[in-house]
Amino acid sequence: MLNNFFNQLRDNPRLRWGIALIIGIAWLYAVLVLRDSLQEQTQQHRSAAQNITRLRVQLAQPEWAARVAPAKVMAVQLEGKLWQAATPGLAQAALQDWLSAELLKAGINKPQINVTVLEETPVNNPSPNQETGAATPADLWKIKAKLSFETTPASLMDFLSRIELYEKQVVVGGLTLRKEPTPRAEMELFGYFQKPAAANAKPTKESVPL
């Protein structure tokens, strides 16, 4: 069978040219594939080298070390604006007591105050908080207060100013003003309470030697 093929190859020039063309095409294709692979690897190596160089330059910059201290100070300041409470119930009571006192100082009498704890939604949970559309950090209680009270422009501005200047953060989620039959305001406020540390909340029992 091989002898017959070689005889045809020797006697048929067109067959020889066809086989040579097939071999040439296969060789050219292999060369192109190898060239593309080499270019891709070269590009990946160049990109990795550029990233390493960029990181080295950034790490060598003295500003990064200088930014650490201000960042820590800012973190402490932000944490200091959080309310503190041992339980959700105490958090509700603290926010309600503070609101009642500040409303009284602003000249607002007999307000209606309803304080609730929003359902906890950890940050790593993709479902948003139904009340605000945002997730609440797992180490915080989010307390919601709904207020309704008769007011005047002066007393309302006084109360809003007290909220803004207070050392703890109180977020105004909504404000509705009604003129009839008497001037009345309806507000929605949120306070963030930091939960006690796990070590303090659940002290370990010391073993008693026998």
N, C-alpha and C. Protein backbone atom coordinates (compact mmCIF):
# COMPACT_ATOMS: atom_id res chain seq x y z
N MET A 1 0.83 -1.21 0.00
CA MET A 1 0.00 0.00 0.00
C MET A 1 0.87 1.26 0.00
N LEU A 2 1.94 1.21 0.83
CA LEU A 2 2.85 2.34 0.84
C LEU A 2 3.58 2.48 -0.47
N ASN A 3 3.93 1.33 -1.08
CA ASN A 3 4.61 1.38 -2.38
C ASN A 3 3.72 2.03 -3.42
N ASN A 4 2.45 1.70 -3.39
CA ASN A 4 1.50 2.29 -4.34
C ASN A 4 1.42 3.80 -4.14
N PHE A 5 1.41 4.24 -2.84
CA PHE A 5 1.34 5.68 -2.56
C PHE A 5 2.59 6.39 -3.06
N PHE A 6 3.76 5.80 -2.79
CA PHE A 6 5.01 6.43 -3.24
C PHE A 6 5.10 6.46 -4.75
N ASN A 7 4.57 5.42 -5.40
CA ASN A 7 4.58 5.41 -6.87
C ASN A 7 3.71 6.53 -7.43
N GLN A 8 2.51 6.72 -6.81
CA GLN A 8 1.63 7.81 -7.25
C GLN A 8 2.28 9.17 -6.97
N LEU A 9 2.94 9.28 -5.79
CA LEU A 9 3.61 10.54 -5.45
C LEU A 9 4.73 10.85 -6.44
N ARG A 10 5.45 9.80 -6.91
CA ARG A 10 6.56 10.01 -7.85
C ARG A 10 6.04 10.35 -9.25
N ASP A 11 4.91 9.73 -9.62
CA ASP A 11 4.41 9.91 -10.99
C ASP A 11 3.44 11.07 -11.12
N ASN A 12 2.94 11.64 -9.96
CA ASN A 12 1.91 12.69 -10.03
C ASN A 12 2.45 13.97 -9.40
N PRO A 13 2.92 14.92 -10.19
CA PRO A 13 3.45 16.18 -9.65
C PRO A 13 2.40 16.98 -8.88
N ARG A 14 1.14 16.92 -9.31
CA ARG A 14 0.09 17.69 -8.65
C ARG A 14 -0.12 17.18 -7.22
N LEU A 15 0.00 15.85 -7.06
CA LEU A 15 -0.13 15.28 -5.72
C LEU A 15 1.00 15.75 -4.82
N ARG A 16 2.23 15.79 -5.41
CA ARG A 16 3.36 16.25 -4.61
C ARG A 16 3.16 17.70 -4.17
N TRP A 17 2.71 18.56 -5.12
CA TRP A 17 2.47 19.96 -4.78
C TRP A 17 1.36 20.10 -3.71
N GLY A 18 0.33 19.27 -3.81
CA GLY A 18 -0.76 19.34 -2.84
C GLY A 18 -0.30 18.98 -1.43
N ILE A 19 0.48 17.89 -1.34
CA ILE A 19 0.99 17.49 -0.03
C ILE A 19 1.94 18.54 0.52
N ALA A 20 2.78 19.10 -0.34
CA ALA A 20 3.70 20.15 0.11
C ALA A 20 2.94 21.37 0.60
N LEU A 21 1.84 21.69 -0.09
CA LEU A 21 1.03 22.84 0.33
C LEU A 21 0.38 22.59 1.69
N ILE A 22 -0.11 21.36 1.90
CA ILE A 22 -0.73 21.02 3.19
C ILE A 22 0.30 21.12 4.31
N ILE A 23 1.50 20.59 4.08
CA ILE A 23 2.55 20.64 5.09
C ILE A 23 2.92 22.09 5.39
N GLY A 24 3.00 22.93 4.33
CA GLY A 24 3.34 24.34 4.53
C GLY A 24 2.30 25.08 5.32
N ILE A 25 1.02 24.79 5.04
CA ILE A 25 -0.06 25.46 5.77
C ILE A 25 -0.03 25.05 7.25
N ALA A 26 0.16 23.75 7.50
CA ALA A 26 0.22 23.28 8.89
C ALA A 26 1.39 23.92 9.63
N TRP A 27 2.54 24.01 8.94
CA TRP A 27 3.72 24.63 9.58
C TRP A 27 3.47 26.10 9.88
N LEU A 28 2.83 26.82 8.92
CA LEU A 28 2.54 28.25 9.12
C LEU A 28 1.56 28.44 10.27
N TYR A 29 0.56 27.56 10.36
CA TYR A 29 -0.43 27.67 11.44
C TYR A 29 0.25 27.46 12.80
N ALA A 30 1.13 26.45 12.88
CA ALA A 30 1.84 26.20 14.14
C ALA A 30 2.70 27.38 14.53
N VAL A 31 3.36 28.00 13.53
CA VAL A 31 4.19 29.17 13.82
C VAL A 31 3.34 30.32 14.36
N LEU A 32 2.16 30.55 13.75
CA LEU A 32 1.28 31.63 14.20
C LEU A 32 0.77 31.38 15.61
N VAL A 33 0.41 30.14 15.93
CA VAL A 33 -0.08 29.81 17.27
C VAL A 33 1.01 30.04 18.31
N LEU A 34 2.22 29.60 18.00
CA LEU A 34 3.33 29.80 18.93
C LEU A 34 3.64 31.28 19.11
N ARG A 35 3.53 32.05 18.02
CA ARG A 35 3.81 33.48 18.12
C ARG A 35 2.78 34.18 19.00
N ASP A 36 1.48 33.84 18.81
CA ASP A 36 0.43 34.44 19.64
C ASP A 36 0.60 34.08 21.10
N SER A 37 0.97 32.82 21.38
CA SER A 37 1.18 32.39 22.75
C SER A 37 2.35 33.13 23.38
N LEU A 38 3.42 33.31 22.60
CA LEU A 38 4.58 34.02 23.11
C LEU A 38 4.25 35.49 23.40
N GLN A 39 3.48 36.12 22.50
CA GLN A 39 3.10 37.52 22.71
C GLN A 39 2.22 37.66 23.96
N GLU A 40 1.30 36.71 24.17
CA GLU A 40 0.42 36.78 25.34
C GLU A 40 1.22 36.63 26.63
N GLN A 41 2.16 35.68 26.66
CA GLN A 41 2.98 35.49 27.84
C GLN A 41 3.86 36.70 28.10
N THR A 42 4.39 37.29 27.01
CA THR A 42 5.22 38.48 27.16
C THR A 42 4.42 39.63 27.73
N GLN A 43 3.18 39.79 27.25
CA GLN A 43 2.33 40.86 27.75
C GLN A 43 1.97 40.65 29.22
N GLN A 44 1.69 39.41 29.60
CA GLN A 44 1.38 39.12 31.01
C GLN A 44 2.59 39.40 31.90
N HIS A 45 3.77 39.03 31.42
CA HIS A 45 4.98 39.28 32.20
C HIS A 45 5.23 40.79 32.34
N ARG A 46 5.02 41.54 31.27
CA ARG A 46 5.23 42.98 31.31
C ARG A 46 4.22 43.64 32.27
N SER A 47 2.96 43.19 32.22
CA SER A 47 1.93 43.76 33.10
C SER A 47 2.25 43.46 34.57
N ALA A 48 2.69 42.21 34.85
CA ALA A 48 3.03 41.86 36.23
C ALA A 48 4.22 42.68 36.72
N ALA A 49 5.21 42.88 35.85
CA ALA A 49 6.37 43.67 36.24
C ALA A 49 5.99 45.12 36.51
N GLN A 50 5.07 45.68 35.69
CA GLN A 50 4.63 47.05 35.91
C GLN A 50 3.87 47.19 37.23
N ASN A 51 3.02 46.18 37.56
CA ASN A 51 2.28 46.23 38.83
C ASN A 51 3.23 46.16 40.02
N ILE A 52 4.24 45.31 39.93
CA ILE A 52 5.21 45.20 41.03
C ILE A 52 5.96 46.51 41.20
N THR A 53 6.36 47.11 40.09
CA THR A 53 7.07 48.38 40.16
C THR A 53 6.20 49.46 40.77
N ARG A 54 4.93 49.50 40.38
CA ARG A 54 4.01 50.51 40.91
C ARG A 54 3.82 50.33 42.42
N LEU A 55 3.67 49.08 42.87
CA LEU A 55 3.50 48.83 44.30
C LEU A 55 4.75 49.23 45.08
N ARG A 56 5.91 48.94 44.51
CA ARG A 56 7.15 49.32 45.20
C ARG A 56 7.26 50.83 45.34
N VAL A 57 6.86 51.55 44.29
CA VAL A 57 6.91 53.01 44.34
C VAL A 57 5.95 53.54 45.39
N GLN A 58 4.73 52.96 45.45
CA GLN A 58 3.75 53.42 46.44
C GLN A 58 4.21 53.13 47.86
N LEU A 59 4.78 51.95 48.07
CA LEU A 59 5.24 51.60 49.41
C LEU A 59 6.41 52.46 49.85
N ALA A 60 7.18 52.94 48.87
CA ALA A 60 8.33 53.77 49.21
C ALA A 60 7.94 55.20 49.55
N GLN A 61 6.68 55.58 49.23
CA GLN A 61 6.26 56.95 49.50
C GLN A 61 6.03 57.15 51.00
N PRO A 62 6.57 58.20 51.59
CA PRO A 62 6.43 58.41 53.04
C PRO A 62 5.02 58.81 53.45
N GLU A 63 4.16 59.22 52.49
CA GLU A 63 2.83 59.68 52.88
C GLU A 63 1.99 58.58 53.52
N TRP A 64 2.24 57.31 53.09
CA TRP A 64 1.42 56.23 53.62
C TRP A 64 1.58 56.09 55.13
N ALA A 65 2.82 56.15 55.59
CA ALA A 65 3.03 56.06 57.04
C ALA A 65 2.44 57.27 57.76
N ALA A 66 2.50 58.45 57.10
CA ALA A 66 1.98 59.66 57.73
C ALA A 66 0.46 59.64 57.82
N ARG A 67 -0.20 58.86 56.95
CA ARG A 67 -1.67 58.83 56.94
C ARG A 67 -2.24 57.89 57.98
N VAL A 68 -1.41 57.01 58.55
CA VAL A 68 -1.92 56.02 59.49
C VAL A 68 -2.47 56.69 60.74
N ALA A 69 -1.70 57.62 61.33
CA ALA A 69 -2.13 58.27 62.57
C ALA A 69 -3.42 59.07 62.40
N PRO A 70 -3.56 59.93 61.36
CA PRO A 70 -4.83 60.64 61.18
C PRO A 70 -6.01 59.70 60.96
N ALA A 71 -5.77 58.58 60.26
CA ALA A 71 -6.86 57.62 60.03
C ALA A 71 -7.32 57.01 61.35
N LYS A 72 -6.37 56.69 62.24
CA LYS A 72 -6.74 56.14 63.54
C LYS A 72 -7.50 57.16 64.38
N VAL A 73 -7.05 58.42 64.33
CA VAL A 73 -7.74 59.48 65.08
C VAL A 73 -9.18 59.64 64.58
N MET A 74 -9.34 59.62 63.24
CA MET A 74 -10.68 59.75 62.67
C MET A 74 -11.57 58.58 63.08
N ALA A 75 -11.00 57.36 63.09
CA ALA A 75 -11.78 56.19 63.50
C ALA A 75 -12.25 56.33 64.94
N VAL A 76 -11.38 56.82 65.82
CA VAL A 76 -11.76 57.01 67.23
C VAL A 76 -12.85 58.07 67.35
N GLN A 77 -12.73 59.15 66.57
CA GLN A 77 -13.74 60.20 66.63
C GLN A 77 -15.10 59.70 66.15
N LEU A 78 -15.10 58.94 65.06
CA LEU A 78 -16.36 58.41 64.55
C LEU A 78 -16.98 57.43 65.53
N GLU A 79 -16.14 56.58 66.14
CA GLU A 79 -16.67 55.63 67.11
C GLU A 79 -17.21 56.36 68.34
N GLY A 80 -16.61 57.50 68.68
CA GLY A 80 -17.08 58.26 69.82
C GLY A 80 -18.46 58.86 69.62
N LYS A 81 -18.92 58.97 68.37
CA LYS A 81 -20.25 59.53 68.09
C LYS A 81 -21.35 58.48 68.19
N LEU A 82 -20.95 57.22 68.41
CA LEU A 82 -21.94 56.17 68.56
C LEU A 82 -22.50 56.18 69.98
N TRP A 83 -23.79 55.85 70.09
CA TRP A 83 -24.40 55.69 71.40
C TRP A 83 -23.92 54.38 72.02
N GLN A 84 -24.04 54.26 73.33
CA GLN A 84 -23.64 53.06 74.04
C GLN A 84 -24.83 52.53 74.83
N ALA A 85 -25.03 51.22 74.79
CA ALA A 85 -26.10 50.60 75.57
C ALA A 85 -25.78 49.12 75.75
N ALA A 86 -26.23 48.57 76.88
CA ALA A 86 -25.95 47.17 77.17
C ALA A 86 -26.94 46.23 76.50
N THR A 87 -28.19 46.71 76.30
CA THR A 87 -29.23 45.87 75.70
C THR A 87 -30.06 46.73 74.75
N PRO A 88 -30.80 46.10 73.82
CA PRO A 88 -31.68 46.88 72.95
C PRO A 88 -32.72 47.68 73.71
N GLY A 89 -33.23 47.11 74.81
CA GLY A 89 -34.22 47.83 75.61
C GLY A 89 -33.65 49.10 76.22
N LEU A 90 -32.43 49.02 76.74
CA LEU A 90 -31.79 50.21 77.30
C LEU A 90 -31.49 51.23 76.21
N ALA A 91 -31.19 50.75 74.99
CA ALA A 91 -30.95 51.66 73.87
C ALA A 91 -32.22 52.43 73.53
N GLN A 92 -33.35 51.73 73.50
CA GLN A 92 -34.62 52.41 73.25
C GLN A 92 -34.91 53.46 74.31
N ALA A 93 -34.72 53.08 75.57
CA ALA A 93 -35.01 54.00 76.67
C ALA A 93 -34.10 55.22 76.62
N ALA A 94 -32.82 55.01 76.30
CA ALA A 94 -31.88 56.13 76.25
C ALA A 94 -32.25 57.12 75.16
N LEU A 95 -32.59 56.61 73.98
CA LEU A 95 -32.95 57.52 72.89
C LEU A 95 -34.26 58.24 73.20
N GLN A 96 -35.23 57.55 73.77
CA GLN A 96 -36.51 58.19 74.09
C GLN A 96 -36.32 59.26 75.17
N ASP A 97 -35.53 58.98 76.19
CA ASP A 97 -35.29 59.96 77.26
C ASP A 97 -34.60 61.20 76.69
N TRP A 98 -33.61 60.99 75.83
CA TRP A 98 -32.90 62.14 75.27
C TRP A 98 -33.82 62.98 74.39
N LEU A 99 -34.64 62.34 73.57
CA LEU A 99 -35.57 63.07 72.71
C LEU A 99 -36.58 63.86 73.55
N SER A 100 -37.10 63.25 74.61
CA SER A 100 -38.08 63.95 75.45
C SER A 100 -37.46 65.18 76.09
N ALA A 101 -36.21 65.03 76.56
CA ALA A 101 -35.55 66.16 77.20
C ALA A 101 -35.26 67.29 76.22
N GLU A 102 -34.78 66.94 75.01
CA GLU A 102 -34.44 67.97 74.03
C GLU A 102 -35.69 68.65 73.47
N LEU A 103 -36.76 67.90 73.31
CA LEU A 103 -38.02 68.52 72.86
C LEU A 103 -38.52 69.51 73.90
N LEU A 104 -38.42 69.15 75.18
CA LEU A 104 -38.86 70.05 76.24
C LEU A 104 -38.01 71.32 76.27
N LYS A 105 -36.68 71.18 76.07
CA LYS A 105 -35.80 72.34 76.04
C LYS A 105 -36.11 73.25 74.86
N ALA A 106 -36.59 72.67 73.77
CA ALA A 106 -36.93 73.46 72.59
C ALA A 106 -38.32 74.08 72.70
N GLY A 107 -39.02 73.85 73.80
CA GLY A 107 -40.34 74.44 73.98
C GLY A 107 -41.45 73.64 73.33
N ILE A 108 -41.21 72.36 73.10
CA ILE A 108 -42.22 71.50 72.48
C ILE A 108 -42.80 70.61 73.57
N ASN A 109 -44.10 70.73 73.79
CA ASN A 109 -44.76 69.99 74.87
C ASN A 109 -45.64 68.87 74.30
N LYS A 110 -45.83 67.86 75.13
CA LYS A 110 -46.70 66.72 74.84
C LYS A 110 -46.42 66.09 73.47
N PRO A 111 -45.17 65.74 73.18
CA PRO A 111 -44.91 65.05 71.90
C PRO A 111 -45.30 63.58 72.00
N GLN A 112 -45.61 63.00 70.87
CA GLN A 112 -45.84 61.56 70.77
C GLN A 112 -44.55 60.91 70.24
N ILE A 113 -44.00 60.00 71.03
CA ILE A 113 -42.72 59.38 70.68
C ILE A 113 -42.89 57.86 70.66
N ASN A 114 -42.50 57.25 69.56
CA ASN A 114 -42.55 55.80 69.43
C ASN A 114 -41.17 55.31 69.01
N VAL A 115 -40.53 54.53 69.87
CA VAL A 115 -39.15 54.08 69.64
C VAL A 115 -39.14 52.57 69.46
N THR A 116 -38.50 52.10 68.40
CA THR A 116 -38.42 50.67 68.11
C THR A 116 -36.99 50.30 67.69
N VAL A 117 -36.69 49.02 67.85
CA VAL A 117 -35.41 48.49 67.38
C VAL A 117 -35.64 47.86 66.01
N LEU A 118 -34.88 48.32 65.02
CA LEU A 118 -35.04 47.74 63.70
C LEU A 118 -34.45 46.35 63.66
N GLU A 119 -35.01 45.52 62.81
CA GLU A 119 -34.52 44.14 62.67
C GLU A 119 -33.08 44.16 62.20
N GLU A 120 -32.25 43.38 62.86
CA GLU A 120 -30.83 43.38 62.56
C GLU A 120 -30.57 42.70 61.22
N THR A 121 -29.74 43.34 60.39
CA THR A 121 -29.33 42.79 59.10
C THR A 121 -27.84 42.93 59.00
N PRO A 122 -27.06 41.85 59.19
CA PRO A 122 -25.61 41.95 59.11
C PRO A 122 -25.14 42.45 57.77
N VAL A 123 -23.94 43.07 57.75
CA VAL A 123 -23.38 43.63 56.52
C VAL A 123 -23.17 42.57 55.47
N ASN A 124 -22.75 41.33 55.90
CA ASN A 124 -22.46 40.29 54.92
C ASN A 124 -23.71 39.61 54.40
N ASN A 125 -24.90 40.05 54.88
CA ASN A 125 -26.15 39.53 54.36
C ASN A 125 -26.59 40.40 53.20
N PRO A 126 -26.80 39.83 51.99
CA PRO A 126 -27.12 40.67 50.84
C PRO A 126 -28.48 41.32 50.88
N SER A 127 -29.41 40.85 51.77
CA SER A 127 -30.74 41.44 51.81
C SER A 127 -30.70 42.77 52.53
N PRO A 128 -31.26 43.86 51.95
CA PRO A 128 -31.19 45.18 52.58
C PRO A 128 -32.17 45.31 53.71
N ASN A 129 -31.92 46.27 54.60
CA ASN A 129 -32.83 46.60 55.68
C ASN A 129 -34.11 47.17 55.08
N GLN A 130 -35.24 46.63 55.48
CA GLN A 130 -36.50 47.04 54.86
C GLN A 130 -36.84 48.49 55.16
N GLU A 131 -36.37 49.01 56.27
CA GLU A 131 -36.73 50.38 56.64
C GLU A 131 -35.94 51.41 55.87
N THR A 132 -34.65 51.14 55.63
CA THR A 132 -33.79 52.16 55.04
C THR A 132 -33.14 51.74 53.75
N GLY A 133 -33.24 50.46 53.36
CA GLY A 133 -32.60 50.00 52.14
C GLY A 133 -31.11 49.80 52.30
N ALA A 134 -30.57 49.86 53.53
CA ALA A 134 -29.14 49.69 53.75
C ALA A 134 -28.93 48.69 54.87
N ALA A 135 -27.81 48.01 54.82
CA ALA A 135 -27.51 47.01 55.82
C ALA A 135 -26.95 47.66 57.07
N THR A 136 -27.26 47.06 58.24
CA THR A 136 -26.77 47.57 59.51
C THR A 136 -25.60 46.71 59.97
N PRO A 137 -24.47 47.31 60.36
CA PRO A 137 -23.34 46.51 60.85
C PRO A 137 -23.76 45.60 62.00
N ALA A 138 -23.14 44.43 62.07
CA ALA A 138 -23.55 43.43 63.06
C ALA A 138 -23.25 43.87 64.48
N ASP A 139 -22.32 44.81 64.68
CA ASP A 139 -21.97 45.22 66.04
C ASP A 139 -22.75 46.44 66.49
N LEU A 140 -23.82 46.80 65.78
CA LEU A 140 -24.62 47.97 66.15
C LEU A 140 -26.10 47.60 66.26
N TRP A 141 -26.80 48.34 67.14
CA TRP A 141 -28.26 48.33 67.15
C TRP A 141 -28.73 49.61 66.50
N LYS A 142 -29.66 49.48 65.60
CA LYS A 142 -30.24 50.66 64.94
C LYS A 142 -31.62 50.92 65.54
N ILE A 143 -31.75 52.05 66.20
CA ILE A 143 -32.98 52.40 66.90
C ILE A 143 -33.72 53.47 66.10
N LYS A 144 -34.99 53.23 65.86
CA LYS A 144 -35.81 54.16 65.08
C LYS A 144 -36.81 54.85 66.01
N ALA A 145 -36.93 56.16 65.85
CA ALA A 145 -37.89 56.94 66.65
C ALA A 145 -38.82 57.70 65.72
N LYS A 146 -40.11 57.58 65.96
CA LYS A 146 -41.11 58.36 65.23
C LYS A 146 -41.69 59.41 66.18
N LEU A 147 -41.63 60.66 65.76
CA LEU A 147 -42.11 61.77 66.58
C LEU A 147 -43.28 62.46 65.90
N SER A 148 -44.20 62.93 66.71
CA SER A 148 -45.31 63.73 66.22
C SER A 148 -45.61 64.77 67.30
N PHE A 149 -45.59 66.06 66.91
CA PHE A 149 -45.78 67.10 67.92
C PHE A 149 -46.23 68.41 67.25
N GLU A 150 -46.97 69.21 68.04
CA GLU A 150 -47.32 70.56 67.60
C GLU A 150 -46.09 71.45 67.77
N THR A 151 -45.90 72.35 66.82
CA THR A 151 -44.66 73.12 66.84
C THR A 151 -44.85 74.49 66.22
N THR A 152 -43.83 75.29 66.38
CA THR A 152 -43.72 76.58 65.70
C THR A 152 -42.38 76.57 64.94
N PRO A 153 -42.22 77.46 63.97
CA PRO A 153 -40.94 77.49 63.26
C PRO A 153 -39.74 77.66 64.18
N ALA A 154 -39.87 78.50 65.20
CA ALA A 154 -38.74 78.74 66.11
C ALA A 154 -38.40 77.49 66.92
N SER A 155 -39.42 76.83 67.47
CA SER A 155 -39.16 75.65 68.30
C SER A 155 -38.64 74.49 67.46
N LEU A 156 -39.13 74.36 66.23
CA LEU A 156 -38.65 73.29 65.36
C LEU A 156 -37.19 73.50 64.99
N MET A 157 -36.82 74.74 64.65
CA MET A 157 -35.43 75.04 64.31
C MET A 157 -34.52 74.82 65.52
N ASP A 158 -35.02 75.14 66.70
CA ASP A 158 -34.25 74.91 67.92
C ASP A 158 -34.00 73.42 68.12
N PHE A 159 -35.03 72.62 67.94
CA PHE A 159 -34.90 71.18 68.12
C PHE A 159 -33.93 70.58 67.08
N LEU A 160 -34.04 71.01 65.82
CA LEU A 160 -33.13 70.51 64.78
C LEU A 160 -31.69 70.91 65.07
N SER A 161 -31.51 72.10 65.59
CA SER A 161 -30.16 72.55 65.95
C SER A 161 -29.59 71.70 67.07
N ARG A 162 -30.40 71.33 68.04
CA ARG A 162 -29.94 70.48 69.13
C ARG A 162 -29.52 69.09 68.62
N ILE A 163 -30.26 68.58 67.64
CA ILE A 163 -29.89 67.29 67.04
C ILE A 163 -28.54 67.39 66.34
N GLU A 164 -28.35 68.48 65.60
CA GLU A 164 -27.11 68.64 64.84
C GLU A 164 -25.90 68.82 65.74
N LEU A 165 -26.06 69.53 66.84
CA LEU A 165 -24.93 69.85 67.71
C LEU A 165 -24.67 68.79 68.78
N TYR A 166 -25.55 67.80 68.88
CA TYR A 166 -25.37 66.80 69.93
C TYR A 166 -24.14 65.96 69.64
N GLU A 167 -23.45 65.55 70.71
CA GLU A 167 -22.19 64.82 70.56
C GLU A 167 -22.37 63.42 69.98
N LYS A 168 -23.54 62.84 70.16
CA LYS A 168 -23.84 61.54 69.57
C LYS A 168 -24.61 61.73 68.26
N GLN A 169 -24.42 60.79 67.36
CA GLN A 169 -25.03 60.95 66.05
C GLN A 169 -26.50 60.56 66.07
N VAL A 170 -27.33 61.47 65.59
CA VAL A 170 -28.76 61.22 65.41
C VAL A 170 -29.09 61.61 63.97
N VAL A 171 -29.60 60.66 63.21
CA VAL A 171 -29.86 60.88 61.78
C VAL A 171 -31.35 61.16 61.58
N VAL A 172 -31.65 62.25 60.88
CA VAL A 172 -33.03 62.58 60.55
C VAL A 172 -33.39 61.85 59.25
N GLY A 173 -34.29 60.89 59.37
CA GLY A 173 -34.67 60.12 58.19
C GLY A 173 -35.81 60.74 57.41
N GLY A 174 -36.62 61.56 58.05
CA GLY A 174 -37.74 62.19 57.35
C GLY A 174 -38.38 63.26 58.21
N LEU A 175 -38.96 64.26 57.56
CA LEU A 175 -39.62 65.36 58.26
C LEU A 175 -40.81 65.82 57.42
N THR A 176 -41.98 65.80 58.03
CA THR A 176 -43.21 66.23 57.37
C THR A 176 -43.86 67.33 58.21
N LEU A 177 -44.22 68.45 57.58
CA LEU A 177 -44.85 69.58 58.27
C LEU A 177 -46.28 69.73 57.78
N ARG A 178 -47.20 69.92 58.72
CA ARG A 178 -48.60 70.13 58.40
C ARG A 178 -49.07 71.45 59.01
N LYS A 179 -49.83 72.21 58.27
CA LYS A 179 -50.33 73.51 58.75
C LYS A 179 -51.72 73.42 59.35
N GLU A 180 -52.53 72.49 58.86
CA GLU A 180 -53.93 72.41 59.28
C GLU A 180 -54.17 71.12 60.05
N PRO A 181 -55.00 71.17 61.08
CA PRO A 181 -55.68 72.36 61.63
C PRO A 181 -54.75 73.22 62.49
N THR A 182 -53.68 72.59 63.01
CA THR A 182 -52.67 73.35 63.75
C THR A 182 -51.30 72.93 63.23
N PRO A 183 -50.30 73.84 63.28
CA PRO A 183 -48.96 73.48 62.82
C PRO A 183 -48.44 72.24 63.56
N ARG A 184 -48.05 71.22 62.81
CA ARG A 184 -47.63 69.96 63.41
C ARG A 184 -46.50 69.36 62.59
N ALA A 185 -45.57 68.73 63.28
CA ALA A 185 -44.42 68.11 62.61
C ALA A 185 -44.41 66.61 62.91
N GLU A 186 -44.03 65.84 61.90
CA GLU A 186 -43.84 64.40 62.06
C GLU A 186 -42.42 64.09 61.60
N MET A 187 -41.65 63.44 62.46
CA MET A 187 -40.24 63.18 62.17
C MET A 187 -39.92 61.70 62.34
N GLU A 188 -38.89 61.30 61.63
CA GLU A 188 -38.35 59.95 61.74
C GLU A 188 -36.85 60.08 62.01
N LEU A 189 -36.40 59.54 63.14
CA LEU A 189 -35.00 59.67 63.55
C LEU A 189 -34.39 58.29 63.75
N PHE A 190 -33.05 58.22 63.60
CA PHE A 190 -32.34 56.97 63.80
C PHE A 190 -31.12 57.22 64.69
N GLY A 191 -30.91 56.34 65.63
CA GLY A 191 -29.72 56.37 66.47
C GLY A 191 -29.00 55.04 66.39
N TYR A 192 -27.68 55.08 66.35
CA TYR A 192 -26.86 53.86 66.24
C TYR A 192 -26.17 53.61 67.58
N PHE A 193 -26.45 52.45 68.18
CA PHE A 193 -25.91 52.08 69.48
C PHE A 193 -24.89 50.96 69.31
N GLN A 194 -23.73 51.16 69.89
CA GLN A 194 -22.69 50.14 69.82
C GLN A 194 -22.96 49.06 70.85
N LYS A 195 -22.94 47.80 70.41
CA LYS A 195 -23.17 46.70 71.32
C LYS A 195 -21.96 46.51 72.24
N PRO A 196 -22.20 46.00 73.44
CA PRO A 196 -21.06 45.76 74.34
C PRO A 196 -20.15 44.69 73.78
N ALA A 197 -18.88 44.74 74.15
CA ALA A 197 -17.90 43.77 73.65
C ALA A 197 -18.29 42.38 74.10
N ALA A 198 -17.96 41.40 73.29
CA ALA A 198 -18.32 40.02 73.60
C ALA A 198 -17.70 39.56 74.91
N ALA A 199 -16.51 40.06 75.19
CA ALA A 199 -15.86 39.65 76.44
C ALA A 199 -16.62 40.15 77.66
N ASN A 200 -17.21 41.35 77.53
CA ASN A 200 -17.97 41.90 78.65
C ASN A 200 -19.38 41.32 78.71
N ALA A 201 -19.94 41.02 77.54
CA ALA A 201 -21.30 40.51 77.50
C ALA A 201 -21.37 39.07 78.00
N LYS A 202 -20.30 38.28 77.67
CA LYS A 202 -20.31 36.87 78.06
C LYS A 202 -18.99 36.54 78.76
N PRO A 203 -18.86 36.87 80.04
CA PRO A 203 -17.62 36.57 80.75
C PRO A 203 -17.41 35.08 80.90
N THR A 204 -16.18 34.66 80.74
CA THR A 204 -15.87 33.24 80.86
C THR A 204 -15.85 32.84 82.34
N LYS A 205 -16.27 31.60 82.60
CA LYS A 205 -16.29 31.11 83.99
C LYS A 205 -14.92 30.57 84.35
N GLU A 206 -14.42 30.99 85.50
CA GLU A 206 -13.12 30.51 85.95
C GLU A 206 -13.28 29.12 86.55
N SER A 207 -12.34 28.27 86.21
CA SER A 207 -12.41 26.92 86.75
C SER A 207 -11.93 26.91 88.21
N VAL A 208 -12.61 26.17 89.04
CA VAL A 208 -12.27 26.10 90.48
C VAL A 208 -11.55 24.80 90.72
N PRO A 209 -10.30 24.86 91.16
CA PRO A 209 -9.57 23.60 91.40
C PRO A 209 -10.19 22.81 92.53
N LEU A 210 -10.20 21.49 92.35
CA LEU A 210 -10.79 20.61 93.36
C LEU A 210 -9.71 20.22 94.38
